Every structure is written in C-alpha cells, then in structure tokens.
C-alpha atoms as a PDB file:
ATOM      1  CA  MET A   1      -0.903  41.231  52.940  1.00  0.00           C
ATOM      2  CA  ASP A   2      -3.046  44.462  52.700  1.00  0.00           C
ATOM      3  CA  ALA A   3      -2.945  45.997  55.085  1.00  0.00           C
ATOM      4  CA  SER A   4      -6.349  48.054  54.037  1.00  0.00           C
ATOM      5  CA  ILE A   5      -8.179  44.109  53.997  1.00  0.00           C
ATOM      6  CA  ALA A   6     -10.283  44.079  57.284  1.00  0.00           C
ATOM      7  CA  THR A   7     -10.053  40.900  59.250  1.00  0.00           C
ATOM      8  CA  PRO A   8     -13.392  39.527  59.957  1.00  0.00           C
ATOM      9  CA  PRO A   9     -14.915  39.380  62.916  1.00  0.00           C
ATOM     10  CA  LEU A  10     -14.878  35.731  64.568  1.00  0.00           C
ATOM     11  CA  LEU A  11     -18.850  35.383  65.265  1.00  0.00           C
ATOM     12  CA  GLU A  12     -21.145  38.123  63.858  1.00  0.00           C
ATOM     13  CA  ILE A  13     -25.094  37.284  65.068  1.00  0.00           C
ATOM     14  CA  GLU A  14     -28.061  39.501  64.079  1.00  0.00           C
ATOM     15  CA  ALA A  15     -31.164  38.793  65.595  1.00  0.00           C
ATOM     16  CA  ALA A  16     -30.768  35.146  65.711  1.00  0.00           C
ATOM     17  CA  THR A  17     -34.172  33.250  66.980  1.00  0.00           C
ATOM     18  CA  VAL A  18     -33.961  29.176  67.776  1.00  0.00           C
ATOM     19  CA  GLN A  19     -37.371  27.866  69.112  1.00  0.00           C
ATOM     20  CA  ARG A  20     -37.608  24.778  71.119  1.00  0.00           C
ATOM     21  CA  GLY A  21     -41.448  23.807  71.606  1.00  0.00           C
ATOM     22  CA  ASN A  22     -43.603  26.490  72.651  1.00  0.00           C
ATOM     23  CA  ARG A  23     -40.543  28.875  73.861  1.00  0.00           C
ATOM     24  CA  LEU A  24     -37.793  30.892  72.364  1.00  0.00           C
ATOM     25  CA  ALA A  25     -34.433  29.424  73.527  1.00  0.00           C
ATOM     26  CA  LEU A  26     -32.837  32.806  71.461  1.00  0.00           C
ATOM     27  CA  ASP A  27     -34.844  35.666  70.894  1.00  0.00           C
ATOM     28  CA  ARG A  28     -33.466  38.196  68.553  1.00  0.00           C
ATOM     29  CA  LEU A  29     -30.066  37.572  70.013  1.00  0.00           C
ATOM     30  CA  ALA A  30     -27.424  39.533  68.548  1.00  0.00           C
ATOM     31  CA  LEU A  31     -23.554  40.161  69.026  1.00  0.00           C
ATOM     32  CA  ARG A  32     -20.147  40.535  67.810  1.00  0.00           C
ATOM     33  CA  VAL A  33     -16.727  38.871  68.816  1.00  0.00           C
ATOM     34  CA  GLU A  34     -13.998  40.276  66.447  1.00  0.00           C
ATOM     35  CA  ALA A  35     -10.699  37.914  66.342  1.00  0.00           C
ATOM     36  CA  GLY A  36      -8.500  37.682  68.760  1.00  0.00           C
ATOM     37  CA  GLN A  37     -11.165  39.139  71.082  1.00  0.00           C
ATOM     38  CA  HIS A  38     -10.973  36.653  74.336  1.00  0.00           C
ATOM     39  CA  THR A  39     -14.786  36.772  75.862  1.00  0.00           C
ATOM     40  CA  ALA A  40     -16.722  34.944  78.146  1.00  0.00           C
ATOM     41  CA  ILE A  41     -20.741  34.362  77.786  1.00  0.00           C
ATOM     42  CA  LEU A  42     -22.045  34.174  81.160  1.00  0.00           C
ATOM     43  CA  GLY A  43     -25.689  33.435  82.325  1.00  0.00           C
ATOM     44  CA  ALA A  44     -27.592  31.220  84.764  1.00  0.00           C
ATOM     45  CA  ASN A  45     -28.602  27.251  83.596  1.00  0.00           C
ATOM     46  CA  GLY A  46     -31.634  28.095  81.279  1.00  0.00           C
ATOM     47  CA  SER A  47     -30.575  31.407  79.747  1.00  0.00           C
ATOM     48  CA  GLY A  48     -29.731  30.041  76.328  1.00  0.00           C
ATOM     49  CA  LYS A  49     -25.969  29.267  76.799  1.00  0.00           C
ATOM     50  CA  SER A  50     -25.793  26.067  75.514  1.00  0.00           C
ATOM     51  CA  THR A  51     -28.196  27.006  72.457  1.00  0.00           C
ATOM     52  CA  LEU A  52     -25.796  29.433  71.692  1.00  0.00           C
ATOM     53  CA  VAL A  53     -23.072  26.987  71.693  1.00  0.00           C
ATOM     54  CA  GLN A  54     -25.467  25.035  69.463  1.00  0.00           C
ATOM     55  CA  LEU A  55     -26.197  27.834  66.821  1.00  0.00           C
ATOM     56  CA  ILE A  56     -22.114  28.536  66.335  1.00  0.00           C
ATOM     57  CA  ALA A  57     -20.975  24.856  66.281  1.00  0.00           C
ATOM     58  CA  ARG A  58     -23.589  24.544  63.360  1.00  0.00           C
ATOM     59  CA  GLN A  59     -25.464  22.079  65.259  1.00  0.00           C
ATOM     60  CA  LEU A  60     -29.120  23.936  64.864  1.00  0.00           C
ATOM     61  CA  TYR A  61     -29.977  27.101  62.683  1.00  0.00           C
ATOM     62  CA  PRO A  62     -32.418  30.059  63.749  1.00  0.00           C
ATOM     63  CA  LEU A  63     -35.816  30.942  62.557  1.00  0.00           C
ATOM     64  CA  ALA A  64     -35.251  32.507  58.546  1.00  0.00           C
ATOM     65  CA  PRO A  65     -35.207  35.837  59.376  1.00  0.00           C
ATOM     66  CA  GLY A  66     -37.771  38.302  57.140  1.00  0.00           C
ATOM     67  CA  ASP A  67     -35.164  40.130  55.308  1.00  0.00           C
ATOM     68  CA  GLY A  68     -33.849  36.482  53.810  1.00  0.00           C
ATOM     69  CA  ARG A  69     -30.272  37.650  55.458  1.00  0.00           C
ATOM     70  CA  GLY A  70     -28.245  35.012  56.987  1.00  0.00           C
ATOM     71  CA  PRO A  71     -28.508  36.052  60.643  1.00  0.00           C
ATOM     72  CA  VAL A  72     -25.363  33.856  62.081  1.00  0.00           C
ATOM     73  CA  ARG A  73     -21.692  34.017  60.464  1.00  0.00           C
ATOM     74  CA  VAL A  74     -18.489  32.525  61.681  1.00  0.00           C
ATOM     75  CA  PHE A  75     -14.612  34.098  60.464  1.00  0.00           C
ATOM     76  CA  GLY A  76     -16.946  36.129  57.995  1.00  0.00           C
ATOM     77  CA  ARG A  77     -19.114  33.308  56.153  1.00  0.00           C
ATOM     78  CA  GLU A  78     -22.301  32.354  56.594  1.00  0.00           C
ATOM     79  CA  ARG A  79     -22.289  28.662  55.054  1.00  0.00           C
ATOM     80  CA  TRP A  80     -19.374  25.899  56.312  1.00  0.00           C
ATOM     81  CA  ASN A  81     -18.884  22.480  55.557  1.00  0.00           C
ATOM     82  CA  VAL A  82     -18.809  21.846  59.335  1.00  0.00           C
ATOM     83  CA  ALA A  83     -15.713  19.746  58.884  1.00  0.00           C
ATOM     84  CA  GLU A  84     -13.963  22.468  57.768  1.00  0.00           C
ATOM     85  CA  LEU A  85     -15.425  24.848  60.493  1.00  0.00           C
ATOM     86  CA  ARG A  86     -13.807  22.185  63.110  1.00  0.00           C
ATOM     87  CA  GLY A  87     -10.555  23.209  61.871  1.00  0.00           C
ATOM     88  CA  LEU A  88     -10.587  26.534  62.439  1.00  0.00           C
ATOM     89  CA  LEU A  89     -13.082  26.773  65.275  1.00  0.00           C
ATOM     90  CA  GLY A  90     -12.223  23.860  67.963  1.00  0.00           C
ATOM     91  CA  ILE A  91     -14.752  22.841  70.451  1.00  0.00           C
ATOM     92  CA  VAL A  92     -14.317  21.311  74.133  1.00  0.00           C
ATOM     93  CA  SER A  93     -17.462  20.385  75.973  1.00  0.00           C
ATOM     94  CA  PRO A  94     -18.735  17.992  78.982  1.00  0.00           C
ATOM     95  CA  THR A  95     -21.031  16.536  76.400  1.00  0.00           C
ATOM     96  CA  LEU A  96     -17.908  15.724  74.060  1.00  0.00           C
ATOM     97  CA  GLN A  97     -16.072  14.016  76.357  1.00  0.00           C
ATOM     98  CA  SER A  98     -19.081  11.438  77.533  1.00  0.00           C
ATOM     99  CA  ASP A  99     -18.648  10.284  73.905  1.00  0.00           C
ATOM    100  CA  TYR A 100     -15.011   9.581  74.393  1.00  0.00           C
ATOM    101  CA  THR A 101     -15.002   8.670  77.677  1.00  0.00           C
ATOM    102  CA  SER A 102     -17.544   5.383  77.344  1.00  0.00           C
ATOM    103  CA  ASP A 103     -18.341   2.636  74.856  1.00  0.00           C
ATOM    104  CA  ALA A 104     -15.671   1.040  73.203  1.00  0.00           C
ATOM    105  CA  PRO A 105     -11.872   1.448  75.071  1.00  0.00           C
ATOM    106  CA  LEU A 106     -10.209   4.614  73.277  1.00  0.00           C
ATOM    107  CA  GLU A 107      -6.234   5.462  74.044  1.00  0.00           C
ATOM    108  CA  VAL A 108      -5.442   9.073  74.196  1.00  0.00           C
ATOM    109  CA  PHE A 109      -2.885   9.153  71.317  1.00  0.00           C
ATOM    110  CA  ASP A 110      -5.690   7.266  68.801  1.00  0.00           C
ATOM    111  CA  ALA A 111      -8.370   9.792  70.494  1.00  0.00           C
ATOM    112  CA  VAL A 112      -6.608  13.113  70.005  1.00  0.00           C
ATOM    113  CA  VAL A 113      -4.596  11.872  66.068  1.00  0.00           C
ATOM    114  CA  SER A 114      -8.730  10.436  64.650  1.00  0.00           C
ATOM    115  CA  GLY A 115      -9.436  14.574  65.276  1.00  0.00           C
ATOM    116  CA  PHE A 116      -7.735  14.629  61.553  1.00  0.00           C
ATOM    117  CA  PHE A 117     -10.353  12.676  60.304  1.00  0.00           C
ATOM    118  CA  ALA A 118     -13.322  13.711  62.438  1.00  0.00           C
ATOM    119  CA  ALA A 119     -13.630  10.627  63.768  1.00  0.00           C
ATOM    120  CA  ARG A 120     -13.288   8.768  67.247  1.00  0.00           C
ATOM    121  CA  GLY A 121      -9.873   6.979  66.796  1.00  0.00           C
ATOM    122  CA  LEU A 122      -8.410   5.436  64.080  1.00  0.00           C
ATOM    123  CA  GLY A 123     -10.600   2.983  61.331  1.00  0.00           C
ATOM    124  CA  LEU A 124      -8.825   0.138  59.644  1.00  0.00           C
ATOM    125  CA  ASP A 125      -8.782   2.432  56.237  1.00  0.00           C
ATOM    126  CA  GLN A 126      -7.560   5.565  57.984  1.00  0.00           C
ATOM    127  CA  GLN A 127      -3.834   5.820  58.166  1.00  0.00           C
ATOM    128  CA  ALA A 128      -2.560   9.185  59.808  1.00  0.00           C
ATOM    129  CA  SER A 129       0.732  10.500  58.299  1.00  0.00           C
ATOM    130  CA  ALA A 130       4.109  11.580  60.110  1.00  0.00           C
ATOM    131  CA  SER A 131       2.983  14.981  59.829  1.00  0.00           C
ATOM    132  CA  MET A 132      -0.373  14.278  61.800  1.00  0.00           C
ATOM    133  CA  ARG A 133       1.355  12.154  64.091  1.00  0.00           C
ATOM    134  CA  GLU A 134       3.689  15.105  64.995  1.00  0.00           C
ATOM    135  CA  GLN A 135       0.993  17.502  64.884  1.00  0.00           C
ATOM    136  CA  ALA A 136      -0.689  15.249  67.637  1.00  0.00           C
ATOM    137  CA  ARG A 137       2.093  15.194  69.449  1.00  0.00           C
ATOM    138  CA  ALA A 138       2.687  18.855  70.050  1.00  0.00           C
ATOM    139  CA  ALA A 139      -0.985  19.127  70.453  1.00  0.00           C
ATOM    140  CA  LEU A 140      -0.416  16.972  73.575  1.00  0.00           C
ATOM    141  CA  ALA A 141       2.542  18.847  74.905  1.00  0.00           C
ATOM    142  CA  GLN A 142       0.669  21.750  74.006  1.00  0.00           C
ATOM    143  CA  SER A 143      -2.113  21.343  76.551  1.00  0.00           C
ATOM    144  CA  GLY A 144      -0.221  19.402  79.211  1.00  0.00           C
ATOM    145  CA  ALA A 145      -1.534  15.939  78.065  1.00  0.00           C
ATOM    146  CA  GLY A 146       1.624  14.424  77.106  1.00  0.00           C
ATOM    147  CA  HIS A 147       1.768  11.837  79.835  1.00  0.00           C
ATOM    148  CA  LEU A 148      -0.905  10.518  79.468  1.00  0.00           C
ATOM    149  CA  VAL A 149      -0.206   8.558  76.327  1.00  0.00           C
ATOM    150  CA  GLY A 150      -0.562   4.936  76.735  1.00  0.00           C
ATOM    151  CA  ARG A 151      -3.846   4.999  78.807  1.00  0.00           C
ATOM    152  CA  THR A 152      -7.391   4.810  77.578  1.00  0.00           C
ATOM    153  CA  MET A 153      -9.535   7.445  77.872  1.00  0.00           C
ATOM    154  CA  ALA A 154     -11.981   5.734  80.153  1.00  0.00           C
ATOM    155  CA  SER A 155      -9.323   5.996  82.790  1.00  0.00           C
ATOM    156  CA  LEU A 156      -8.799   9.392  82.701  1.00  0.00           C
ATOM    157  CA  SER A 157      -9.792  11.947  85.533  1.00  0.00           C
ATOM    158  CA  THR A 158     -12.321  14.831  84.271  1.00  0.00           C
ATOM    159  CA  GLY A 159      -8.961  17.103  83.861  1.00  0.00           C
ATOM    160  CA  GLU A 160      -7.227  14.732  82.207  1.00  0.00           C
ATOM    161  CA  ALA A 161      -9.691  14.133  79.991  1.00  0.00           C
ATOM    162  CA  ARG A 162     -10.820  17.491  78.871  1.00  0.00           C
ATOM    163  CA  ARG A 163      -7.225  18.621  78.132  1.00  0.00           C
ATOM    164  CA  VAL A 164      -6.534  15.582  75.633  1.00  0.00           C
ATOM    165  CA  LEU A 165     -10.082  16.797  73.973  1.00  0.00           C
ATOM    166  CA  ILE A 166      -8.309  20.290  73.959  1.00  0.00           C
ATOM    167  CA  ALA A 167      -5.060  17.976  72.150  1.00  0.00           C
ATOM    168  CA  ARG A 168      -7.638  17.002  69.811  1.00  0.00           C
ATOM    169  CA  ALA A 169      -8.735  20.300  68.991  1.00  0.00           C
ATOM    170  CA  LEU A 170      -5.553  21.733  68.573  1.00  0.00           C
ATOM    171  CA  VAL A 171      -4.521  19.209  66.169  1.00  0.00           C
ATOM    172  CA  HIS A 172      -5.960  21.146  63.613  1.00  0.00           C
ATOM    173  CA  ARG A 173      -4.268  24.582  64.662  1.00  0.00           C
ATOM    174  CA  PRO A 174      -7.634  26.419  64.674  1.00  0.00           C
ATOM    175  CA  ARG A 175      -7.992  30.478  65.133  1.00  0.00           C
ATOM    176  CA  ALA A 176     -10.348  30.019  68.164  1.00  0.00           C
ATOM    177  CA  LEU A 177     -11.859  27.319  70.950  1.00  0.00           C
ATOM    178  CA  LEU A 178     -15.424  27.158  72.126  1.00  0.00           C
ATOM    179  CA  LEU A 179     -15.035  26.033  75.296  1.00  0.00           C
ATOM    180  CA  ASP A 180     -18.654  24.719  76.789  1.00  0.00           C
ATOM    181  CA  GLU A 181     -18.539  24.557  80.801  1.00  0.00           C
ATOM    182  CA  PRO A 182     -14.970  23.338  80.350  1.00  0.00           C
ATOM    183  CA  CYS A 183     -14.580  23.066  84.019  1.00  0.00           C
ATOM    184  CA  ALA A 184     -17.722  20.903  84.812  1.00  0.00           C
ATOM    185  CA  GLY A 185     -16.904  18.128  87.288  1.00  0.00           C
ATOM    186  CA  LEU A 186     -13.548  19.558  88.328  1.00  0.00           C
ATOM    187  CA  ASP A 187     -12.469  19.970  91.954  1.00  0.00           C
ATOM    188  CA  LEU A 188     -10.646  23.462  93.013  1.00  0.00           C
ATOM    189  CA  ALA A 189      -7.156  22.275  92.329  1.00  0.00           C
ATOM    190  CA  SER A 190      -7.934  20.607  89.132  1.00  0.00           C
ATOM    191  CA  ARG A 191      -9.681  23.555  87.888  1.00  0.00           C
ATOM    192  CA  ARG A 192      -6.909  26.179  88.607  1.00  0.00           C
ATOM    193  CA  ARG A 193      -4.673  23.798  86.868  1.00  0.00           C
ATOM    194  CA  PHE A 194      -7.048  23.815  83.900  1.00  0.00           C
ATOM    195  CA  LEU A 195      -7.875  27.694  83.917  1.00  0.00           C
ATOM    196  CA  GLU A 196      -3.690  28.344  83.638  1.00  0.00           C
ATOM    197  CA  SER A 197      -3.615  25.348  80.796  1.00  0.00           C
ATOM    198  CA  LEU A 198      -6.408  27.621  78.929  1.00  0.00           C
ATOM    199  CA  ARG A 199      -4.235  31.053  79.754  1.00  0.00           C
ATOM    200  CA  ALA A 200      -1.300  29.554  77.856  1.00  0.00           C
ATOM    201  CA  LEU A 201      -3.125  29.049  74.837  1.00  0.00           C
ATOM    202  CA  ALA A 202      -4.723  32.477  75.093  1.00  0.00           C
ATOM    203  CA  ARG A 203      -1.579  34.221  75.649  1.00  0.00           C
ATOM    204  CA  GLY A 204      -0.156  31.696  72.650  1.00  0.00           C
ATOM    205  CA  GLY A 205      -2.752  33.640  70.082  1.00  0.00           C
ATOM    206  CA  THR A 206      -6.088  31.309  70.308  1.00  0.00           C
ATOM    207  CA  THR A 207      -9.397  32.846  70.514  1.00  0.00           C
ATOM    208  CA  LEU A 208     -10.873  32.249  73.408  1.00  0.00           C
ATOM    209  CA  LEU A 209     -15.003  31.826  73.669  1.00  0.00           C
ATOM    210  CA  LEU A 210     -15.608  30.456  77.190  1.00  0.00           C
ATOM    211  CA  VAL A 211     -19.721  29.310  77.723  1.00  0.00           C
ATOM    212  CA  THR A 212     -20.032  29.075  81.279  1.00  0.00           C
ATOM    213  CA  HIS A 213     -22.275  30.246  84.473  1.00  0.00           C
ATOM    214  CA  HIS A 214     -19.236  30.964  87.148  1.00  0.00           C
ATOM    215  CA  VAL A 215     -17.716  34.218  87.329  1.00  0.00           C
ATOM    216  CA  GLU A 216     -14.736  32.524  88.851  1.00  0.00           C
ATOM    217  CA  GLU A 217     -13.653  31.129  85.773  1.00  0.00           C
ATOM    218  CA  ILE A 218     -13.511  34.127  83.446  1.00  0.00           C
ATOM    219  CA  LEU A 219      -9.484  34.644  82.953  1.00  0.00           C
ATOM    220  CA  PRO A 220      -7.643  37.483  83.335  1.00  0.00           C
ATOM    221  CA  GLU A 221      -6.919  37.530  79.463  1.00  0.00           C
ATOM    222  CA  ILE A 222     -10.535  37.679  79.040  1.00  0.00           C
ATOM    223  CA  GLY A 223     -11.564  41.238  77.835  1.00  0.00           C
ATOM    224  CA  GLN A 224     -15.262  41.013  76.973  1.00  0.00           C
ATOM    225  CA  VAL A 225     -18.255  39.504  78.604  1.00  0.00           C
ATOM    226  CA  LEU A 226     -21.301  38.879  77.374  1.00  0.00           C
ATOM    227  CA  LEU A 227     -24.500  38.612  80.030  1.00  0.00           C
ATOM    228  CA  LEU A 228     -26.846  36.352  79.107  1.00  0.00           C
ATOM    229  CA  LYS A 229     -30.776  35.942  80.168  1.00  0.00           C
ATOM    230  CA  ASP A 230     -33.785  34.699  78.678  1.00  0.00           C
ATOM    231  CA  GLY A 231     -32.647  33.989  75.228  1.00  0.00           C
ATOM    232  CA  ARG A 232     -31.256  37.699  74.805  1.00  0.00           C
ATOM    233  CA  VAL A 233     -28.079  39.770  75.580  1.00  0.00           C
ATOM    234  CA  VAL A 234     -28.697  42.307  78.176  1.00  0.00           C
ATOM    235  CA  ARG A 235     -24.814  42.937  78.524  1.00  0.00           C
ATOM    236  CA  GLN A 236     -22.026  43.197  76.663  1.00  0.00           C
ATOM    237  CA  GLY A 237     -18.460  44.843  77.130  1.00  0.00           C
ATOM    238  CA  ASP A 238     -15.411  45.746  78.993  1.00  0.00           C
ATOM    239  CA  LYS A 239     -14.996  42.981  81.528  1.00  0.00           C
ATOM    240  CA  ALA A 240     -14.561  45.698  84.331  1.00  0.00           C
ATOM    241  CA  ALA A 241     -17.597  47.341  83.076  1.00  0.00           C
ATOM    242  CA  THR A 242     -19.882  44.448  82.970  1.00  0.00           C
ATOM    243  CA  LEU A 243     -18.959  42.037  86.072  1.00  0.00           C
ATOM    244  CA  THR A 244     -20.638  44.447  88.452  1.00  0.00           C
ATOM    245  CA  ASP A 245     -23.329  43.970  91.109  1.00  0.00           C
ATOM    246  CA  GLU A 246     -25.827  45.345  89.076  1.00  0.00           C
ATOM    247  CA  ALA A 247     -25.126  43.561  86.314  1.00  0.00           C
ATOM    248  CA  LEU A 248     -25.032  40.308  87.474  1.00  0.00           C
ATOM    249  CA  ALA A 249     -28.337  40.829  89.461  1.00  0.00           C
ATOM    250  CA  GLU A 250     -29.915  41.467  86.490  1.00  0.00           C
ATOM    251  CA  ALA A 251     -28.366  38.669  84.432  1.00  0.00           C
ATOM    252  CA  PHE A 252     -29.002  35.773  87.614  1.00  0.00           C
ATOM    253  CA  GLY A 253     -32.329  37.756  89.098  1.00  0.00           C
ATOM    254  CA  LEU A 254     -31.285  37.954  92.853  1.00  0.00           C
ATOM    255  CA  PRO A 255     -28.701  40.267  94.518  1.00  0.00           C
ATOM    256  CA  VAL A 256     -24.680  39.456  94.013  1.00  0.00           C
ATOM    257  CA  ARG A 257     -21.776  41.149  95.187  1.00  0.00           C
ATOM    258  CA  VAL A 258     -18.621  41.414  93.098  1.00  0.00           C
ATOM    259  CA  THR A 259     -15.378  41.169  94.392  1.00  0.00           C
ATOM    260  CA  ARG A 260     -11.521  41.207  92.243  1.00  0.00           C
ATOM    261  CA  HIS A 261      -8.622  39.559  94.021  1.00  0.00           C
ATOM    262  CA  GLY A 262      -6.259  40.541  91.605  1.00  0.00           C
ATOM    263  CA  GLU A 263      -6.350  39.647  88.014  1.00  0.00           C
ATOM    264  CA  TRP A 264      -9.555  37.055  88.860  1.00  0.00           C
ATOM    265  CA  TYR A 265     -13.336  38.169  89.884  1.00  0.00           C
ATOM    266  CA  HIS A 266     -15.462  36.371  92.651  1.00  0.00           C
ATOM    267  CA  ALA A 267     -19.136  36.781  92.564  1.00  0.00           C
ATOM    268  CA  ALA A 268     -21.681  35.581  95.438  1.00  0.00           C
ATOM    269  CA  VAL A 269     -24.944  35.999  96.471  1.00  0.00           C
ATOM    270  CA  ALA A 270     -25.589  39.226  98.767  1.00  0.00           C
ATOM    271  CA  THR A 271     -26.760  38.432 102.040  1.00  0.00           C
ATOM    272  CA  PRO A 272     -28.931  41.220 103.905  1.00  0.00           C
END
C-alpha cells in the first residue's frame, strides 16, 4: 500500500443541520473522527445525541447546504448503500435490541448469522454457508456470548442480549462500532462486565464510537470526547482536556465535579 495515500476519516460532518418540527435537533454541527480514533459523544438528554446517531447511520438526512456539498461523509464517502455501510460500521442500541427480543421467538445463533442477510432470523430462502456460520461462532466468542447459543433472544438479560447484538455486528468484521447508550438497563456489575468486553474490542482494532450521557462509561481506551448541547458541539478534543468541571458544567447546564479513579472518570453534580 502506498504510504502517501492517507486513510480517510471514519466520520466527517460539516455544518449539518437537522430540523425536527419547529426546532433544530442539530444546528450546523461539525465534527471529525479519524480512523482508529476511539471517541465518546457525551451530552444531556435532548442534546442531539440520538439525532446524531441516526444521521451517522443514514436513518435521516440533514438539510441541503447552500454550497451543494454533502455535509456528512463516512469512511470518506458521501453516498452509501445502507447494507454496504452496515458491513463497515456496526450499530448497537437499545432500540435495535427491542426489535430482536420481542414478537416472534428468535434463537441466538440465528440472530447473529442472519446479520449477513440484514434480516431478523433466517428465511426459507436464506441459507448460511459454512463460512458464515464459522464467522458467527467466532463473533459470539469474541463478544463473550458463545454460551448463549440455543436460547431465545427474549429469554436473555439486557446485558446478554447486548452482547449478542455486538456479535451480530461483528460478523461483518466492521471497521467501527457505533454504540448508542450501550449500558442502558444494565446494573452496576453487568455494566462493568459489558464495558470490559468493549475494551477488548477496542484493543483488538475495532474503532468505537460511544454515545452516552454517563461519564463513567467512557472507556480508558477512548482518547477523544465530544460534548453536545442543543444540537451543537460545545467542546471536542483530548479526553483529559475535555472532561473538566468547567466543560461538563457548560454541557449539562449545572455545576459538575469530575474525579478520576485510575483510568476511569466519574462525574457528579457539585454540592455547595
């Protein structure tokens, strides 16, 4: 490979505006995430995080800019076939999980291997090859969910189901994972075990985009933090320089005290 050819950024957004009803959910938002740059997107409820996730996932599109340029590029490209993009950027969210744990029963292995067909389970006309099945087993092992094969998705705990969905995303061997509030619904012990599994993925070369409103979920491997408020980026940069009392107070709109315990950060509302 020619060393002079630069790897395109994982994500580039230039002045993207998204309107929902009479309000701007994203207001000329701009950000850049380099390939391999583990990044946390942090903000309060209503700050624009969910809209940003949908924008990245191609579930919605911004208003057309005046200069005619596409304001959103993923892996250097403005236009994507969504199925092709899913092979490069896996997505895990509580909303996705609800789709797989409700309605008709779905067995764990089928939930994972059907990811090759962008389907919920295998249809009569969908036959998984031996290679696909091998990759599905490897992805389940990688996410720590191999022991769940044989159970239905509806029978799993929140943390177990989240691991299976990560395995489903990993069957394509994506370059990156977009994790939207991945610890929602997990108790303290389950959350720590789940975060440790994400650390293993990060160390293994999968770029993580972590969307959360909890400072405590920002992994040690994450080096960049983006703070959102009212659909705009208020701070973006190195984790240590961004996770400060002043920056978080600006993002959350109240006094915040940030502490550090080893490689992890914690935040709490400051008391007088």
